[in-house]
Amino acid sequence: MAARRLPSSVWVTGLTVGAVAVVAALAVKAEQGPQPHATPAAAKHSASAPAKPTAKPSPAAEAAVPKDSGVGRRVVYSLGQKRVWLVDASDQSRRTFAVWPGSVSPAPGKYTVSKRTDALTGSDGVDIEHVVYFTAISGVNIAFSNALDGSSPPPVTGKQTGGIRMRVADGDAVWAFGSTGTTVSVVE
């Protein structure tokens, strides 16, 4: 009795299912390994462009999560470096980027995301989105956000602002990561 030959569609289906299984296994393995750190892309510079953060740490300092920032899943905000890290439960930085702080800064310490607002007009009159609140100082709310147009805030003379602004992509990342109850660790 002659061996029966399988149709080519069965072979193609089998190979496709096998390939999908291998890719899924590799994706799971990659997620468990070390992750690259995203850094902000260079913005176009023009005479009318808003100011950028002036203190730029070395690449090695950008990669390292501050040692005194706690443990576990958290958002870390460094006042001196004007930088944020999104740190996962295994204490690995998933993303780090520069920010533009407002005129009112929180004291170093541990806070919790208390409220989130999708979009509104900031106290400086700029339309912002992905507002992630974590404290208030003398009636000034301190929150992460990004301008809808992607701009950095110009210095506001004589006005108290608590917005910690970032680029749009970074604002998207904080919004996705910083759910209500997430720890925010503020360090020098």
N, C-alpha and C. Protein backbone atom coordinates (compact mmCIF):
# COMPACT_ATOMS: atom_id res chain seq x y z
N MET A 1 0.82 -1.17 0.00
CA MET A 1 0.00 0.00 0.00
C MET A 1 0.88 1.26 0.00
N ALA A 2 0.60 2.18 -0.88
CA ALA A 2 1.42 3.38 -1.05
C ALA A 2 1.11 4.40 0.05
N ALA A 3 2.14 5.15 0.46
CA ALA A 3 1.96 6.19 1.47
C ALA A 3 1.13 7.34 0.89
N ARG A 4 0.25 7.86 1.70
CA ARG A 4 -0.60 8.93 1.26
C ARG A 4 0.10 10.28 1.45
N ARG A 5 0.07 11.10 0.46
CA ARG A 5 0.75 12.39 0.48
C ARG A 5 -0.19 13.47 1.02
N LEU A 6 0.34 14.31 1.94
CA LEU A 6 -0.47 15.40 2.53
C LEU A 6 -0.54 16.57 1.56
N PRO A 7 -1.68 17.23 1.49
CA PRO A 7 -1.81 18.42 0.63
C PRO A 7 -0.87 19.53 1.11
N SER A 8 -0.43 20.38 0.18
CA SER A 8 0.51 21.46 0.52
C SER A 8 -0.10 22.45 1.53
N SER A 9 -1.42 22.62 1.51
CA SER A 9 -2.04 23.54 2.46
C SER A 9 -1.85 23.07 3.90
N VAL A 10 -1.81 21.78 4.12
CA VAL A 10 -1.58 21.24 5.46
C VAL A 10 -0.14 21.56 5.90
N TRP A 11 0.81 21.40 4.99
CA TRP A 11 2.20 21.72 5.31
C TRP A 11 2.37 23.21 5.63
N VAL A 12 1.78 24.06 4.81
CA VAL A 12 1.88 25.51 5.02
C VAL A 12 1.26 25.89 6.36
N THR A 13 0.11 25.33 6.66
CA THR A 13 -0.55 25.63 7.93
C THR A 13 0.31 25.17 9.11
N GLY A 14 0.86 23.99 9.01
CA GLY A 14 1.71 23.46 10.08
C GLY A 14 2.94 24.31 10.30
N LEU A 15 3.59 24.72 9.21
CA LEU A 15 4.78 25.56 9.33
C LEU A 15 4.43 26.94 9.90
N THR A 16 3.30 27.50 9.49
CA THR A 16 2.87 28.80 10.01
C THR A 16 2.60 28.73 11.51
N VAL A 17 1.88 27.71 11.95
CA VAL A 17 1.60 27.54 13.38
C VAL A 17 2.90 27.37 14.16
N GLY A 18 3.82 26.62 13.63
CA GLY A 18 5.12 26.42 14.29
C GLY A 18 5.89 27.72 14.39
N ALA A 19 5.90 28.50 13.31
CA ALA A 19 6.63 29.77 13.31
C ALA A 19 6.02 30.74 14.32
N VAL A 20 4.70 30.81 14.39
CA VAL A 20 4.03 31.69 15.34
C VAL A 20 4.38 31.27 16.77
N ALA A 21 4.42 29.99 17.04
CA ALA A 21 4.75 29.50 18.38
C ALA A 21 6.19 29.88 18.75
N VAL A 22 7.12 29.77 17.81
CA VAL A 22 8.52 30.13 18.07
C VAL A 22 8.64 31.63 18.33
N VAL A 23 7.98 32.45 17.53
CA VAL A 23 8.03 33.90 17.72
C VAL A 23 7.42 34.28 19.07
N ALA A 24 6.32 33.67 19.46
CA ALA A 24 5.70 33.96 20.75
C ALA A 24 6.63 33.58 21.89
N ALA A 25 7.29 32.43 21.80
CA ALA A 25 8.22 32.01 22.84
C ALA A 25 9.40 32.97 22.94
N LEU A 26 9.92 33.43 21.80
CA LEU A 26 11.02 34.37 21.82
C LEU A 26 10.59 35.73 22.38
N ALA A 27 9.37 36.15 22.09
CA ALA A 27 8.87 37.42 22.63
C ALA A 27 8.78 37.37 24.14
N VAL A 28 8.29 36.26 24.68
CA VAL A 28 8.20 36.10 26.13
C VAL A 28 9.58 36.13 26.75
N LYS A 29 10.53 35.43 26.14
CA LYS A 29 11.90 35.39 26.64
C LYS A 29 12.54 36.78 26.58
N ALA A 30 12.30 37.52 25.50
CA ALA A 30 12.88 38.86 25.36
C ALA A 30 12.31 39.81 26.41
N GLU A 31 11.04 39.70 26.73
CA GLU A 31 10.41 40.57 27.72
C GLU A 31 11.03 40.37 29.10
N GLN A 32 11.53 39.15 29.37
CA GLN A 32 12.11 38.84 30.67
C GLN A 32 13.56 39.30 30.77
N GLY A 33 14.20 39.60 29.65
CA GLY A 33 15.61 40.00 29.64
C GLY A 33 15.78 41.49 29.84
N PRO A 34 17.03 41.98 29.76
CA PRO A 34 17.28 43.41 29.90
C PRO A 34 16.63 44.18 28.76
N GLN A 35 16.18 45.40 29.06
CA GLN A 35 15.48 46.22 28.08
C GLN A 35 16.31 47.45 27.76
N PRO A 36 16.25 47.95 26.51
CA PRO A 36 16.96 49.19 26.17
C PRO A 36 16.29 50.39 26.83
N HIS A 37 17.05 51.42 26.99
CA HIS A 37 16.52 52.65 27.57
C HIS A 37 16.23 53.62 26.44
N ALA A 38 15.01 54.15 26.40
CA ALA A 38 14.65 55.13 25.39
C ALA A 38 15.12 56.49 25.85
N THR A 39 15.73 57.23 24.94
CA THR A 39 16.13 58.59 25.25
C THR A 39 15.47 59.51 24.23
N PRO A 40 15.25 60.75 24.61
CA PRO A 40 14.53 61.64 23.71
C PRO A 40 15.30 61.89 22.42
N ALA A 41 14.58 61.97 21.32
CA ALA A 41 15.19 62.30 20.04
C ALA A 41 15.53 63.78 20.04
N ALA A 42 16.55 64.12 19.28
CA ALA A 42 16.94 65.53 19.22
C ALA A 42 15.83 66.34 18.57
N ALA A 43 15.47 67.41 19.23
CA ALA A 43 14.41 68.27 18.71
C ALA A 43 15.04 69.28 17.76
N LYS A 44 14.26 69.73 16.78
CA LYS A 44 14.74 70.77 15.86
C LYS A 44 14.92 72.05 16.64
N HIS A 45 16.00 72.78 16.33
CA HIS A 45 16.30 74.01 17.06
C HIS A 45 16.10 75.20 16.14
N SER A 46 15.39 76.19 16.62
CA SER A 46 15.23 77.43 15.88
C SER A 46 15.29 78.58 16.87
N ALA A 47 15.37 79.77 16.34
CA ALA A 47 15.47 80.94 17.21
C ALA A 47 14.23 81.10 18.08
N SER A 48 13.09 80.63 17.61
CA SER A 48 11.87 80.78 18.39
C SER A 48 11.54 79.55 19.23
N ALA A 49 12.40 78.53 19.19
CA ALA A 49 12.13 77.30 19.95
C ALA A 49 12.22 77.57 21.44
N PRO A 50 11.33 76.96 22.23
CA PRO A 50 11.39 77.13 23.68
C PRO A 50 12.68 76.54 24.25
N ALA A 51 13.02 76.97 25.44
CA ALA A 51 14.23 76.50 26.09
C ALA A 51 14.16 75.01 26.37
N LYS A 52 15.33 74.37 26.31
CA LYS A 52 15.44 72.95 26.64
C LYS A 52 16.08 72.84 28.02
N PRO A 53 15.98 71.66 28.65
CA PRO A 53 16.65 71.51 29.94
C PRO A 53 18.14 71.81 29.78
N THR A 54 18.72 72.52 30.73
CA THR A 54 20.11 72.93 30.60
C THR A 54 21.07 71.88 31.13
N ALA A 55 20.72 71.17 32.18
CA ALA A 55 21.62 70.18 32.75
C ALA A 55 21.46 68.86 31.99
N LYS A 56 22.53 68.42 31.35
CA LYS A 56 22.46 67.16 30.62
C LYS A 56 23.46 66.20 31.25
N PRO A 57 22.96 65.15 31.91
CA PRO A 57 23.86 64.20 32.53
C PRO A 57 24.57 63.35 31.47
N SER A 58 25.63 62.71 31.89
CA SER A 58 26.36 61.83 30.97
C SER A 58 25.48 60.64 30.61
N PRO A 59 25.77 59.97 29.46
CA PRO A 59 24.97 58.80 29.09
C PRO A 59 24.95 57.73 30.18
N ALA A 60 26.04 57.54 30.90
CA ALA A 60 26.07 56.53 31.97
C ALA A 60 25.11 56.92 33.10
N ALA A 61 25.06 58.22 33.42
CA ALA A 61 24.16 58.67 34.48
C ALA A 61 22.71 58.55 34.05
N GLU A 62 22.43 58.77 32.76
CA GLU A 62 21.06 58.64 32.25
C GLU A 62 20.56 57.21 32.41
N ALA A 63 21.43 56.24 32.20
CA ALA A 63 21.03 54.84 32.23
C ALA A 63 20.77 54.34 33.64
N ALA A 64 21.43 54.91 34.61
CA ALA A 64 21.34 54.40 35.97
C ALA A 64 20.16 55.01 36.73
N VAL A 65 19.31 54.14 37.26
CA VAL A 65 18.23 54.60 38.12
C VAL A 65 18.88 55.07 39.43
N PRO A 66 18.53 56.24 39.95
CA PRO A 66 19.14 56.71 41.20
C PRO A 66 19.03 55.67 42.31
N LYS A 67 20.12 55.44 43.02
CA LYS A 67 20.18 54.41 44.05
C LYS A 67 19.21 54.65 45.21
N ASP A 68 18.96 55.90 45.52
CA ASP A 68 18.10 56.21 46.68
C ASP A 68 16.63 56.36 46.30
N SER A 69 16.21 55.72 45.19
CA SER A 69 14.85 55.90 44.69
C SER A 69 13.86 54.83 45.13
N GLY A 70 14.31 53.89 45.95
CA GLY A 70 13.41 52.84 46.42
C GLY A 70 13.53 51.56 45.62
N VAL A 71 12.55 50.69 45.76
CA VAL A 71 12.54 49.41 45.06
C VAL A 71 11.14 49.15 44.50
N GLY A 72 11.07 48.27 43.52
CA GLY A 72 9.79 47.89 42.94
C GLY A 72 9.34 48.83 41.84
N ARG A 73 8.15 48.58 41.36
CA ARG A 73 7.57 49.35 40.25
C ARG A 73 7.30 50.78 40.72
N ARG A 74 7.84 51.77 39.97
CA ARG A 74 7.71 53.16 40.38
C ARG A 74 8.11 54.10 39.26
N VAL A 75 7.67 55.35 39.41
CA VAL A 75 8.16 56.45 38.57
C VAL A 75 9.18 57.17 39.42
N VAL A 76 10.38 57.39 38.89
CA VAL A 76 11.43 58.10 39.62
C VAL A 76 11.64 59.44 38.93
N TYR A 77 11.61 60.51 39.74
CA TYR A 77 11.83 61.86 39.22
C TYR A 77 13.01 62.48 39.94
N SER A 78 14.07 62.82 39.21
CA SER A 78 15.25 63.45 39.78
C SER A 78 15.17 64.96 39.57
N LEU A 79 15.15 65.69 40.67
CA LEU A 79 15.09 67.15 40.62
C LEU A 79 16.35 67.73 39.97
N GLY A 80 17.51 67.23 40.38
CA GLY A 80 18.78 67.75 39.88
C GLY A 80 19.05 67.41 38.42
N GLN A 81 18.70 66.20 38.03
CA GLN A 81 18.95 65.77 36.65
C GLN A 81 17.83 66.18 35.70
N LYS A 82 16.68 66.63 36.26
CA LYS A 82 15.51 66.96 35.44
C LYS A 82 15.21 65.78 34.51
N ARG A 83 15.03 64.62 35.14
CA ARG A 83 14.89 63.36 34.41
C ARG A 83 13.92 62.45 35.12
N VAL A 84 13.21 61.62 34.35
CA VAL A 84 12.27 60.64 34.87
C VAL A 84 12.67 59.26 34.38
N TRP A 85 12.49 58.26 35.25
CA TRP A 85 12.66 56.85 34.90
C TRP A 85 11.35 56.14 35.19
N LEU A 86 10.97 55.24 34.32
CA LEU A 86 9.85 54.34 34.57
C LEU A 86 10.48 53.00 34.91
N VAL A 87 10.32 52.57 36.16
CA VAL A 87 11.02 51.39 36.67
C VAL A 87 10.02 50.27 36.91
N ASP A 88 10.32 49.07 36.39
CA ASP A 88 9.39 47.95 36.53
C ASP A 88 9.57 47.25 37.88
N ALA A 89 8.77 46.22 38.12
CA ALA A 89 8.77 45.52 39.40
C ALA A 89 10.10 44.82 39.69
N SER A 90 10.90 44.55 38.66
CA SER A 90 12.20 43.91 38.87
C SER A 90 13.32 44.94 39.00
N ASP A 91 12.95 46.21 39.24
CA ASP A 91 13.89 47.32 39.40
C ASP A 91 14.69 47.64 38.15
N GLN A 92 14.17 47.31 36.98
CA GLN A 92 14.81 47.64 35.72
C GLN A 92 14.15 48.88 35.12
N SER A 93 14.94 49.82 34.65
CA SER A 93 14.40 51.00 33.99
C SER A 93 13.87 50.60 32.62
N ARG A 94 12.60 50.91 32.37
CA ARG A 94 11.98 50.61 31.07
C ARG A 94 12.07 51.80 30.14
N ARG A 95 12.25 52.99 30.70
CA ARG A 95 12.33 54.21 29.88
C ARG A 95 12.88 55.32 30.76
N THR A 96 13.68 56.19 30.17
CA THR A 96 14.16 57.37 30.88
C THR A 96 14.19 58.53 29.89
N PHE A 97 13.92 59.73 30.39
CA PHE A 97 13.85 60.89 29.51
C PHE A 97 13.96 62.18 30.33
N ALA A 98 14.37 63.25 29.64
CA ALA A 98 14.49 64.57 30.26
C ALA A 98 13.12 65.22 30.36
N VAL A 99 12.96 66.08 31.36
CA VAL A 99 11.69 66.80 31.58
C VAL A 99 11.99 68.28 31.83
N TRP A 100 10.92 69.11 31.77
CA TRP A 100 10.99 70.52 32.06
C TRP A 100 10.12 70.79 33.28
N PRO A 101 10.72 70.98 34.46
CA PRO A 101 9.90 71.20 35.66
C PRO A 101 9.29 72.60 35.70
N GLY A 102 8.19 72.70 36.44
CA GLY A 102 7.56 74.00 36.68
C GLY A 102 8.34 74.78 37.72
N SER A 103 7.77 75.87 38.21
CA SER A 103 8.47 76.71 39.17
C SER A 103 8.35 76.19 40.60
N VAL A 104 7.43 75.27 40.86
CA VAL A 104 7.26 74.68 42.20
C VAL A 104 7.66 73.21 42.11
N SER A 105 8.59 72.81 42.96
CA SER A 105 9.08 71.43 42.95
C SER A 105 8.66 70.69 44.21
N PRO A 106 8.37 69.41 44.10
CA PRO A 106 8.07 68.62 45.29
C PRO A 106 9.35 68.35 46.08
N ALA A 107 9.20 68.13 47.38
CA ALA A 107 10.34 67.75 48.21
C ALA A 107 10.69 66.30 47.90
N PRO A 108 11.96 65.91 48.03
CA PRO A 108 12.30 64.49 47.84
C PRO A 108 11.47 63.62 48.78
N GLY A 109 11.05 62.49 48.30
CA GLY A 109 10.25 61.57 49.10
C GLY A 109 9.41 60.66 48.23
N LYS A 110 8.55 59.89 48.88
CA LYS A 110 7.67 58.94 48.20
C LYS A 110 6.27 59.52 48.12
N TYR A 111 5.66 59.42 46.96
CA TYR A 111 4.30 59.90 46.72
C TYR A 111 3.54 58.80 45.98
N THR A 112 2.27 59.03 45.77
CA THR A 112 1.42 58.08 45.05
C THR A 112 0.59 58.84 44.02
N VAL A 113 0.47 58.27 42.81
CA VAL A 113 -0.39 58.87 41.80
C VAL A 113 -1.80 58.88 42.38
N SER A 114 -2.36 60.09 42.52
CA SER A 114 -3.67 60.23 43.17
C SER A 114 -4.80 60.49 42.19
N LYS A 115 -4.46 61.03 41.03
CA LYS A 115 -5.50 61.40 40.08
C LYS A 115 -4.88 61.48 38.69
N ARG A 116 -5.71 61.23 37.67
CA ARG A 116 -5.27 61.34 36.29
C ARG A 116 -6.34 62.08 35.49
N THR A 117 -5.91 62.99 34.64
CA THR A 117 -6.83 63.72 33.78
C THR A 117 -6.32 63.62 32.35
N ASP A 118 -7.21 63.25 31.44
CA ASP A 118 -6.81 63.03 30.05
C ASP A 118 -6.29 64.31 29.40
N ALA A 119 -7.01 65.42 29.51
CA ALA A 119 -6.58 66.67 28.87
C ALA A 119 -7.22 67.87 29.56
N LEU A 120 -6.51 69.00 29.55
CA LEU A 120 -7.02 70.25 30.10
C LEU A 120 -6.08 71.37 29.70
N THR A 121 -6.37 72.59 30.16
CA THR A 121 -5.47 73.72 29.94
C THR A 121 -4.65 73.91 31.21
N GLY A 122 -3.33 73.93 31.07
CA GLY A 122 -2.44 74.08 32.21
C GLY A 122 -2.50 75.47 32.80
N SER A 123 -1.93 75.64 33.98
CA SER A 123 -1.95 76.94 34.66
C SER A 123 -1.16 78.00 33.88
N ASP A 124 -0.33 77.56 32.92
CA ASP A 124 0.40 78.51 32.08
C ASP A 124 -0.35 78.81 30.77
N GLY A 125 -1.60 78.29 30.66
CA GLY A 125 -2.42 78.56 29.49
C GLY A 125 -2.19 77.64 28.30
N VAL A 126 -1.33 76.64 28.46
CA VAL A 126 -1.02 75.69 27.39
C VAL A 126 -1.95 74.49 27.48
N ASP A 127 -2.47 74.03 26.34
CA ASP A 127 -3.29 72.82 26.31
C ASP A 127 -2.39 71.61 26.54
N ILE A 128 -2.73 70.82 27.58
CA ILE A 128 -1.90 69.67 27.94
C ILE A 128 -2.75 68.41 27.98
N GLU A 129 -2.06 67.27 27.98
CA GLU A 129 -2.75 65.98 28.08
C GLU A 129 -1.95 65.06 28.98
N HIS A 130 -2.58 63.91 29.31
CA HIS A 130 -1.94 62.87 30.12
C HIS A 130 -1.39 63.44 31.42
N VAL A 131 -2.25 64.09 32.17
CA VAL A 131 -1.87 64.73 33.43
C VAL A 131 -1.94 63.68 34.54
N VAL A 132 -0.80 63.42 35.16
CA VAL A 132 -0.68 62.41 36.21
C VAL A 132 -0.26 63.12 37.49
N TYR A 133 -1.24 63.35 38.39
CA TYR A 133 -1.02 64.09 39.63
C TYR A 133 -0.45 63.18 40.73
N PHE A 134 0.50 63.73 41.51
CA PHE A 134 1.00 62.94 42.63
C PHE A 134 1.17 63.71 43.93
N THR A 135 1.06 65.03 43.93
CA THR A 135 1.08 65.79 45.18
C THR A 135 0.64 67.23 44.90
N ALA A 136 0.49 68.01 45.96
CA ALA A 136 0.21 69.44 45.86
C ALA A 136 1.01 70.16 46.93
N ILE A 137 1.48 71.36 46.61
CA ILE A 137 2.25 72.16 47.55
C ILE A 137 1.62 73.55 47.60
N SER A 138 1.12 73.94 48.76
CA SER A 138 0.49 75.25 48.95
C SER A 138 -0.53 75.54 47.86
N GLY A 139 -1.35 74.56 47.55
CA GLY A 139 -2.41 74.74 46.56
C GLY A 139 -1.97 74.59 45.11
N VAL A 140 -0.70 74.30 44.86
CA VAL A 140 -0.20 74.10 43.50
C VAL A 140 -0.09 72.60 43.26
N ASN A 141 -0.85 72.10 42.28
CA ASN A 141 -0.78 70.68 41.95
C ASN A 141 0.52 70.36 41.23
N ILE A 142 1.14 69.25 41.64
CA ILE A 142 2.37 68.78 41.00
C ILE A 142 1.98 67.55 40.18
N ALA A 143 2.28 67.60 38.88
CA ALA A 143 1.85 66.52 37.99
C ALA A 143 2.75 66.43 36.77
N PHE A 144 2.84 65.24 36.22
CA PHE A 144 3.51 65.02 34.94
C PHE A 144 2.50 65.31 33.84
N SER A 145 2.94 65.89 32.73
CA SER A 145 2.05 66.12 31.60
C SER A 145 2.88 66.44 30.36
N ASN A 146 2.21 66.48 29.22
CA ASN A 146 2.87 66.96 28.01
C ASN A 146 1.95 67.93 27.29
N ALA A 147 2.55 68.92 26.61
CA ALA A 147 1.79 69.88 25.82
C ALA A 147 1.26 69.16 24.57
N LEU A 148 0.03 69.44 24.20
CA LEU A 148 -0.56 68.82 23.01
C LEU A 148 0.26 69.12 21.76
N ASP A 149 0.86 70.31 21.70
CA ASP A 149 1.65 70.67 20.52
C ASP A 149 3.10 70.21 20.63
N GLY A 150 3.46 69.53 21.74
CA GLY A 150 4.81 69.00 21.91
C GLY A 150 5.83 69.99 22.40
N SER A 151 5.43 71.23 22.69
CA SER A 151 6.39 72.25 23.11
C SER A 151 6.77 72.10 24.57
N SER A 152 7.93 72.66 24.91
CA SER A 152 8.34 72.74 26.31
C SER A 152 7.86 74.08 26.84
N PRO A 153 7.58 74.15 28.13
CA PRO A 153 7.04 75.42 28.65
C PRO A 153 8.12 76.49 28.74
N PRO A 154 7.78 77.71 28.34
CA PRO A 154 8.72 78.80 28.56
C PRO A 154 8.71 79.16 30.05
N PRO A 155 9.78 79.76 30.54
CA PRO A 155 9.78 80.17 31.94
C PRO A 155 8.63 81.15 32.21
N VAL A 156 7.93 80.96 33.31
CA VAL A 156 6.82 81.84 33.67
C VAL A 156 7.27 82.69 34.85
N THR A 157 7.45 83.97 34.62
CA THR A 157 7.91 84.87 35.66
C THR A 157 6.78 85.19 36.63
N GLY A 158 7.03 85.00 37.91
CA GLY A 158 6.08 85.37 38.95
C GLY A 158 4.86 84.47 39.08
N LYS A 159 4.82 83.35 38.38
CA LYS A 159 3.67 82.45 38.45
C LYS A 159 4.13 81.09 38.98
N GLN A 160 3.34 80.54 39.90
CA GLN A 160 3.67 79.23 40.44
C GLN A 160 3.03 78.15 39.58
N THR A 161 3.88 77.31 38.99
CA THR A 161 3.41 76.20 38.16
C THR A 161 4.01 74.90 38.67
N GLY A 162 3.21 73.86 38.68
CA GLY A 162 3.68 72.57 39.19
C GLY A 162 3.76 71.49 38.14
N GLY A 163 3.54 71.86 36.88
CA GLY A 163 3.60 70.88 35.80
C GLY A 163 5.03 70.46 35.50
N ILE A 164 5.25 69.16 35.43
CA ILE A 164 6.53 68.61 35.01
C ILE A 164 6.30 68.13 33.59
N ARG A 165 6.72 68.94 32.62
CA ARG A 165 6.40 68.69 31.22
C ARG A 165 7.43 67.78 30.56
N MET A 166 6.95 67.10 29.54
CA MET A 166 7.80 66.18 28.79
C MET A 166 7.33 66.15 27.35
N ARG A 167 8.10 65.47 26.51
CA ARG A 167 7.72 65.31 25.11
C ARG A 167 6.47 64.43 25.02
N VAL A 168 5.76 64.51 23.90
CA VAL A 168 4.50 63.78 23.73
C VAL A 168 4.68 62.27 23.92
N ALA A 169 5.68 61.68 23.29
CA ALA A 169 5.89 60.23 23.41
C ALA A 169 6.17 59.84 24.86
N ASP A 170 6.91 60.67 25.58
CA ASP A 170 7.21 60.39 26.98
C ASP A 170 5.94 60.55 27.83
N GLY A 171 5.11 61.54 27.50
CA GLY A 171 3.83 61.71 28.18
C GLY A 171 2.92 60.50 27.98
N ASP A 172 2.93 59.96 26.76
CA ASP A 172 2.17 58.73 26.48
C ASP A 172 2.66 57.59 27.37
N ALA A 173 3.99 57.48 27.52
CA ALA A 173 4.57 56.39 28.32
C ALA A 173 4.21 56.54 29.80
N VAL A 174 4.29 57.76 30.34
CA VAL A 174 3.93 57.98 31.75
C VAL A 174 2.45 57.69 31.96
N TRP A 175 1.61 58.10 31.02
CA TRP A 175 0.17 57.85 31.11
C TRP A 175 -0.11 56.36 31.17
N ALA A 176 0.56 55.59 30.32
CA ALA A 176 0.35 54.13 30.28
C ALA A 176 0.91 53.46 31.54
N PHE A 177 2.00 53.99 32.08
CA PHE A 177 2.68 53.36 33.22
C PHE A 177 2.10 53.82 34.57
N GLY A 178 1.77 55.10 34.68
CA GLY A 178 1.43 55.70 35.97
C GLY A 178 -0.05 55.66 36.32
N SER A 179 -0.57 54.50 36.52
CA SER A 179 -1.98 54.38 36.92
C SER A 179 -2.15 54.87 38.37
N THR A 180 -3.39 55.15 38.75
CA THR A 180 -3.68 55.61 40.11
C THR A 180 -3.13 54.58 41.11
N GLY A 181 -2.40 55.07 42.10
CA GLY A 181 -1.79 54.19 43.10
C GLY A 181 -0.33 53.88 42.84
N THR A 182 0.17 54.22 41.65
CA THR A 182 1.59 53.98 41.32
C THR A 182 2.47 54.86 42.20
N THR A 183 3.56 54.32 42.70
CA THR A 183 4.51 55.07 43.52
C THR A 183 5.31 56.03 42.65
N VAL A 184 5.49 57.25 43.14
CA VAL A 184 6.37 58.25 42.52
C VAL A 184 7.44 58.56 43.55
N SER A 185 8.70 58.32 43.17
CA SER A 185 9.82 58.57 44.06
C SER A 185 10.56 59.80 43.55
N VAL A 186 10.60 60.86 44.37
CA VAL A 186 11.29 62.09 44.01
C VAL A 186 12.63 62.09 44.74
N VAL A 187 13.70 62.28 43.98
CA VAL A 187 15.06 62.30 44.55
C VAL A 187 15.77 63.59 44.14
N GLU A 188 16.82 63.90 44.88
CA GLU A 188 17.62 65.08 44.51
C GLU A 188 18.26 64.81 43.19
